[in-house]
Amino acid sequence: MMIENSKLGYGKHVLDEFEFETGRILHDVKVEYLTRGTPKYDEDSNISNAIIFCHEFNGNCTSIGDLDQIIGTENEPSNLNFFYISITSLGYHESCSPSTTNLN
C-alpha cells in the first residue's frame, strides 16, 4: 500500500491477527493511527523514513500533536525528513478493545 504525500493522515488498519504472550489470538484487530510528514520509498517499495511516535500509556493517536514541541511549529510536515506514525494503544476505544472485540 503506497501512502500519498500528506500533512496529517488518519486511518484504521486491520491486522489479520494479534497474538498475546499467553498465546491467545485476536483476529481482525483494528488499529487507529495518524501520520505526519511525507513517506520516502526504497527500491522494494518499503517506507524508509518512518518513525513510530510513542505517546503516554493508554493514549490515542492524536497525541502526534505533541510533535510540535519536539520539532517546532515552524516545520511544515511536507518539509520533514521523516514520516511519523502515531498509533492508538490497543485497549483504547478507537482501536482494538474489549468493547470492540469478544475478548473479556
N, C-alpha and C. Protein backbone atom coordinates (compact mmCIF):
# COMPACT_ATOMS: atom_id res chain seq x y z
N MET A 1 0.85 -1.17 0.00
CA MET A 1 0.00 0.00 0.00
C MET A 1 0.90 1.24 0.00
N MET A 2 0.78 2.06 -1.01
CA MET A 2 1.54 3.31 -1.09
C MET A 2 0.73 4.40 -0.40
N ILE A 3 1.41 5.22 0.36
CA ILE A 3 0.77 6.32 1.08
C ILE A 3 1.13 7.61 0.36
N GLU A 4 0.12 8.40 0.03
CA GLU A 4 0.33 9.66 -0.67
C GLU A 4 0.92 10.70 0.27
N ASN A 5 1.52 11.73 -0.30
CA ASN A 5 2.02 12.86 0.49
C ASN A 5 0.86 13.44 1.27
N SER A 6 1.10 13.73 2.54
CA SER A 6 0.01 14.24 3.36
C SER A 6 0.55 15.09 4.49
N LYS A 7 -0.26 16.04 4.93
CA LYS A 7 0.09 16.81 6.12
C LYS A 7 -0.24 15.98 7.34
N LEU A 8 -1.44 15.48 7.42
CA LEU A 8 -1.85 14.67 8.55
C LEU A 8 -2.84 13.64 8.01
N GLY A 9 -2.50 12.37 8.13
CA GLY A 9 -3.34 11.33 7.59
C GLY A 9 -3.93 10.47 8.69
N TYR A 10 -5.25 10.29 8.65
CA TYR A 10 -5.95 9.47 9.64
C TYR A 10 -6.37 8.18 8.97
N GLY A 11 -6.31 7.08 9.72
CA GLY A 11 -6.78 5.83 9.17
C GLY A 11 -6.90 4.76 10.23
N LYS A 12 -7.46 3.64 9.79
CA LYS A 12 -7.52 2.45 10.63
C LYS A 12 -6.99 1.30 9.79
N HIS A 13 -6.08 0.56 10.39
CA HIS A 13 -5.51 -0.61 9.73
C HIS A 13 -6.02 -1.84 10.44
N VAL A 14 -6.30 -2.89 9.69
CA VAL A 14 -6.77 -4.13 10.30
C VAL A 14 -5.67 -5.18 10.21
N LEU A 15 -5.19 -5.61 11.39
CA LEU A 15 -4.22 -6.70 11.46
C LEU A 15 -4.98 -8.01 11.34
N ASP A 16 -4.47 -8.92 10.55
CA ASP A 16 -5.14 -10.22 10.42
C ASP A 16 -5.29 -10.89 11.77
N GLU A 17 -4.21 -10.84 12.56
CA GLU A 17 -4.27 -11.39 13.91
C GLU A 17 -3.22 -10.75 14.80
N PHE A 18 -3.50 -10.77 16.10
CA PHE A 18 -2.58 -10.27 17.11
C PHE A 18 -2.48 -11.33 18.19
N GLU A 19 -1.25 -11.79 18.45
CA GLU A 19 -1.06 -12.85 19.44
C GLU A 19 -0.46 -12.27 20.72
N PHE A 20 -1.10 -12.56 21.84
CA PHE A 20 -0.62 -12.15 23.15
C PHE A 20 0.47 -13.11 23.61
N GLU A 21 1.25 -12.71 24.61
CA GLU A 21 2.29 -13.58 25.15
C GLU A 21 1.70 -14.88 25.67
N THR A 22 0.45 -14.86 26.09
CA THR A 22 -0.20 -16.05 26.63
C THR A 22 -0.59 -17.04 25.54
N GLY A 23 -0.48 -16.61 24.29
CA GLY A 23 -0.86 -17.47 23.18
C GLY A 23 -2.26 -17.19 22.66
N ARG A 24 -3.03 -16.43 23.39
CA ARG A 24 -4.38 -16.08 22.94
C ARG A 24 -4.28 -15.17 21.71
N ILE A 25 -5.14 -15.41 20.73
CA ILE A 25 -5.07 -14.69 19.46
C ILE A 25 -6.38 -13.95 19.19
N LEU A 26 -6.24 -12.69 18.81
CA LEU A 26 -7.39 -11.91 18.33
C LEU A 26 -7.29 -11.81 16.82
N HIS A 27 -8.41 -11.93 16.15
CA HIS A 27 -8.45 -11.82 14.69
C HIS A 27 -9.08 -10.50 14.29
N ASP A 28 -8.68 -10.00 13.12
CA ASP A 28 -9.23 -8.75 12.56
C ASP A 28 -9.15 -7.60 13.56
N VAL A 29 -7.95 -7.31 14.02
CA VAL A 29 -7.70 -6.29 15.03
C VAL A 29 -7.59 -4.91 14.36
N LYS A 30 -8.49 -4.00 14.73
CA LYS A 30 -8.45 -2.64 14.18
C LYS A 30 -7.48 -1.79 15.00
N VAL A 31 -6.61 -1.08 14.29
CA VAL A 31 -5.64 -0.19 14.93
C VAL A 31 -5.79 1.19 14.30
N GLU A 32 -6.11 2.18 15.13
CA GLU A 32 -6.27 3.56 14.66
C GLU A 32 -4.90 4.23 14.63
N TYR A 33 -4.68 5.10 13.62
CA TYR A 33 -3.39 5.79 13.52
C TYR A 33 -3.53 7.15 12.86
N LEU A 34 -2.54 8.00 13.09
CA LEU A 34 -2.37 9.27 12.39
C LEU A 34 -0.94 9.32 11.88
N THR A 35 -0.74 9.93 10.72
CA THR A 35 0.60 10.09 10.17
C THR A 35 0.87 11.57 9.94
N ARG A 36 2.14 11.90 9.91
CA ARG A 36 2.54 13.27 9.63
C ARG A 36 3.86 13.24 8.88
N GLY A 37 3.96 14.02 7.83
CA GLY A 37 5.17 14.03 7.02
C GLY A 37 4.93 13.32 5.70
N THR A 38 6.00 13.13 4.97
CA THR A 38 5.93 12.51 3.65
C THR A 38 6.77 11.24 3.63
N PRO A 39 6.15 10.10 3.30
CA PRO A 39 6.94 8.87 3.25
C PRO A 39 7.89 8.86 2.05
N LYS A 40 9.06 8.25 2.26
CA LYS A 40 10.01 8.02 1.18
C LYS A 40 10.14 6.52 1.02
N TYR A 41 10.16 6.07 -0.23
CA TYR A 41 10.16 4.64 -0.51
C TYR A 41 11.50 4.18 -1.07
N ASP A 42 11.92 2.98 -0.65
CA ASP A 42 13.14 2.41 -1.22
C ASP A 42 12.78 1.62 -2.48
N GLU A 43 13.76 0.95 -3.07
CA GLU A 43 13.55 0.22 -4.32
C GLU A 43 12.59 -0.96 -4.18
N ASP A 44 12.33 -1.41 -2.94
CA ASP A 44 11.39 -2.51 -2.71
C ASP A 44 10.01 -2.01 -2.27
N SER A 45 9.78 -0.71 -2.39
CA SER A 45 8.51 -0.06 -2.03
C SER A 45 8.23 -0.06 -0.53
N ASN A 46 9.27 -0.17 0.29
CA ASN A 46 9.14 -0.05 1.74
C ASN A 46 9.40 1.40 2.13
N ILE A 47 8.65 1.90 3.11
CA ILE A 47 8.89 3.25 3.59
C ILE A 47 10.21 3.25 4.35
N SER A 48 11.12 4.12 3.94
CA SER A 48 12.47 4.11 4.51
C SER A 48 12.73 5.22 5.52
N ASN A 49 11.76 6.09 5.76
CA ASN A 49 11.98 7.20 6.69
C ASN A 49 10.93 7.26 7.80
N ALA A 50 10.33 6.13 8.13
CA ALA A 50 9.26 6.08 9.13
C ALA A 50 9.81 6.06 10.55
N ILE A 51 9.11 6.78 11.42
CA ILE A 51 9.40 6.76 12.85
C ILE A 51 8.07 6.58 13.57
N ILE A 52 8.02 5.60 14.48
CA ILE A 52 6.82 5.40 15.30
C ILE A 52 6.88 6.42 16.43
N PHE A 53 5.86 7.26 16.53
CA PHE A 53 5.78 8.27 17.57
C PHE A 53 5.09 7.64 18.78
N CYS A 54 5.84 7.48 19.86
CA CYS A 54 5.30 6.85 21.07
C CYS A 54 4.74 7.92 22.00
N HIS A 55 3.60 7.66 22.54
CA HIS A 55 2.94 8.60 23.43
C HIS A 55 2.74 7.96 24.79
N GLU A 56 2.07 8.69 25.67
CA GLU A 56 1.85 8.20 27.02
C GLU A 56 1.04 6.89 27.02
N PHE A 57 1.12 6.16 28.11
CA PHE A 57 0.39 4.91 28.26
C PHE A 57 -1.09 5.14 28.02
N ASN A 58 -1.69 4.26 27.27
CA ASN A 58 -3.13 4.27 27.02
C ASN A 58 -3.59 5.52 26.28
N GLY A 59 -2.70 6.13 25.50
CA GLY A 59 -3.06 7.32 24.74
C GLY A 59 -3.60 6.98 23.37
N ASN A 60 -4.10 8.01 22.72
CA ASN A 60 -4.57 7.77 21.36
C ASN A 60 -3.67 8.50 20.36
N CYS A 61 -3.92 8.25 19.10
CA CYS A 61 -3.04 8.73 18.04
C CYS A 61 -3.00 10.24 17.92
N THR A 62 -3.96 10.96 18.48
CA THR A 62 -3.96 12.41 18.35
C THR A 62 -2.83 13.08 19.13
N SER A 63 -2.14 12.31 19.96
CA SER A 63 -1.00 12.88 20.69
C SER A 63 0.14 13.24 19.74
N ILE A 64 0.01 12.90 18.46
CA ILE A 64 1.03 13.29 17.49
C ILE A 64 1.15 14.82 17.43
N GLY A 65 0.13 15.53 17.93
CA GLY A 65 0.20 16.98 18.02
C GLY A 65 1.34 17.45 18.92
N ASP A 66 1.78 16.59 19.83
CA ASP A 66 2.91 16.91 20.71
C ASP A 66 4.22 16.99 19.93
N LEU A 67 4.21 16.51 18.71
CA LEU A 67 5.41 16.53 17.88
C LEU A 67 5.92 17.96 17.68
N ASP A 68 5.00 18.93 17.66
CA ASP A 68 5.40 20.34 17.50
C ASP A 68 6.36 20.77 18.60
N GLN A 69 6.21 20.23 19.80
CA GLN A 69 7.11 20.57 20.90
C GLN A 69 8.52 20.05 20.65
N ILE A 70 8.62 19.01 19.83
CA ILE A 70 9.92 18.40 19.56
C ILE A 70 10.59 19.04 18.35
N ILE A 71 9.84 19.21 17.25
CA ILE A 71 10.44 19.71 16.00
C ILE A 71 10.18 21.19 15.76
N GLY A 72 9.25 21.79 16.52
CA GLY A 72 8.93 23.20 16.35
C GLY A 72 7.75 23.39 15.41
N THR A 73 6.95 24.37 15.68
CA THR A 73 5.74 24.61 14.88
C THR A 73 6.05 25.18 13.51
N GLU A 74 7.26 25.72 13.31
CA GLU A 74 7.59 26.31 12.01
C GLU A 74 7.90 25.27 10.95
N ASN A 75 8.07 24.03 11.33
CA ASN A 75 8.39 22.96 10.38
C ASN A 75 7.12 22.35 9.80
N GLU A 76 6.87 22.64 8.55
CA GLU A 76 5.73 22.06 7.86
C GLU A 76 5.98 20.57 7.64
N PRO A 77 4.95 19.73 7.78
CA PRO A 77 5.13 18.28 7.58
C PRO A 77 5.73 17.92 6.23
N SER A 78 5.41 18.68 5.18
CA SER A 78 5.95 18.35 3.86
C SER A 78 7.46 18.59 3.79
N ASN A 79 8.00 19.38 4.72
CA ASN A 79 9.43 19.65 4.75
C ASN A 79 10.19 18.72 5.70
N LEU A 80 9.48 17.86 6.41
CA LEU A 80 10.14 16.97 7.36
C LEU A 80 10.91 15.89 6.62
N ASN A 81 12.01 15.47 7.23
CA ASN A 81 12.79 14.38 6.64
C ASN A 81 12.23 13.02 7.00
N PHE A 82 11.31 12.99 7.97
CA PHE A 82 10.79 11.72 8.44
C PHE A 82 9.28 11.64 8.28
N PHE A 83 8.78 10.43 8.29
CA PHE A 83 7.36 10.14 8.20
C PHE A 83 6.95 9.55 9.55
N TYR A 84 6.24 10.34 10.34
CA TYR A 84 5.87 9.95 11.70
C TYR A 84 4.54 9.21 11.70
N ILE A 85 4.46 8.14 12.48
CA ILE A 85 3.25 7.35 12.62
C ILE A 85 2.92 7.27 14.11
N SER A 86 1.71 7.68 14.46
CA SER A 86 1.25 7.61 15.85
C SER A 86 0.10 6.62 15.91
N ILE A 87 0.23 5.61 16.75
CA ILE A 87 -0.76 4.53 16.83
C ILE A 87 -1.52 4.62 18.15
N THR A 88 -2.83 4.50 18.07
CA THR A 88 -3.64 4.45 19.29
C THR A 88 -3.39 3.12 19.99
N SER A 89 -3.17 3.18 21.28
CA SER A 89 -2.87 1.98 22.07
C SER A 89 -3.98 0.95 21.96
N LEU A 90 -3.59 -0.32 21.89
CA LEU A 90 -4.59 -1.38 21.96
C LEU A 90 -5.25 -1.30 23.33
N GLY A 91 -6.54 -1.45 23.35
CA GLY A 91 -7.29 -1.31 24.59
C GLY A 91 -8.04 0.01 24.64
N TYR A 92 -7.59 0.99 23.86
CA TYR A 92 -8.28 2.27 23.77
C TYR A 92 -9.50 2.10 22.88
N HIS A 93 -10.57 2.82 23.15
CA HIS A 93 -11.85 2.53 22.49
C HIS A 93 -11.87 2.69 20.98
N GLU A 94 -10.98 3.45 20.37
CA GLU A 94 -11.00 3.58 18.91
C GLU A 94 -10.15 2.51 18.22
N SER A 95 -9.29 1.85 18.96
CA SER A 95 -8.54 0.72 18.42
C SER A 95 -9.17 -0.55 19.00
N CYS A 96 -8.46 -1.63 18.90
CA CYS A 96 -8.95 -2.90 19.42
C CYS A 96 -9.09 -2.81 20.94
N SER A 97 -10.26 -3.08 21.46
CA SER A 97 -10.51 -3.00 22.90
C SER A 97 -11.57 -4.03 23.27
N PRO A 98 -11.76 -4.30 24.56
CA PRO A 98 -12.80 -5.26 24.97
C PRO A 98 -14.19 -4.87 24.45
N SER A 99 -14.44 -3.57 24.30
CA SER A 99 -15.76 -3.16 23.81
C SER A 99 -15.93 -3.36 22.31
N THR A 100 -14.83 -3.59 21.57
CA THR A 100 -14.94 -3.80 20.14
C THR A 100 -14.56 -5.21 19.69
N THR A 101 -14.25 -6.09 20.66
CA THR A 101 -13.89 -7.48 20.35
C THR A 101 -14.65 -8.42 21.28
N ASN A 102 -14.42 -9.69 21.12
CA ASN A 102 -15.04 -10.67 22.01
C ASN A 102 -14.11 -11.06 23.16
N LEU A 103 -13.04 -10.27 23.35
CA LEU A 103 -12.10 -10.55 24.42
C LEU A 103 -12.65 -10.01 25.74
N ASN A 104 -12.76 -10.85 26.72
CA ASN A 104 -13.28 -10.43 28.03
C ASN A 104 -12.21 -10.60 29.09
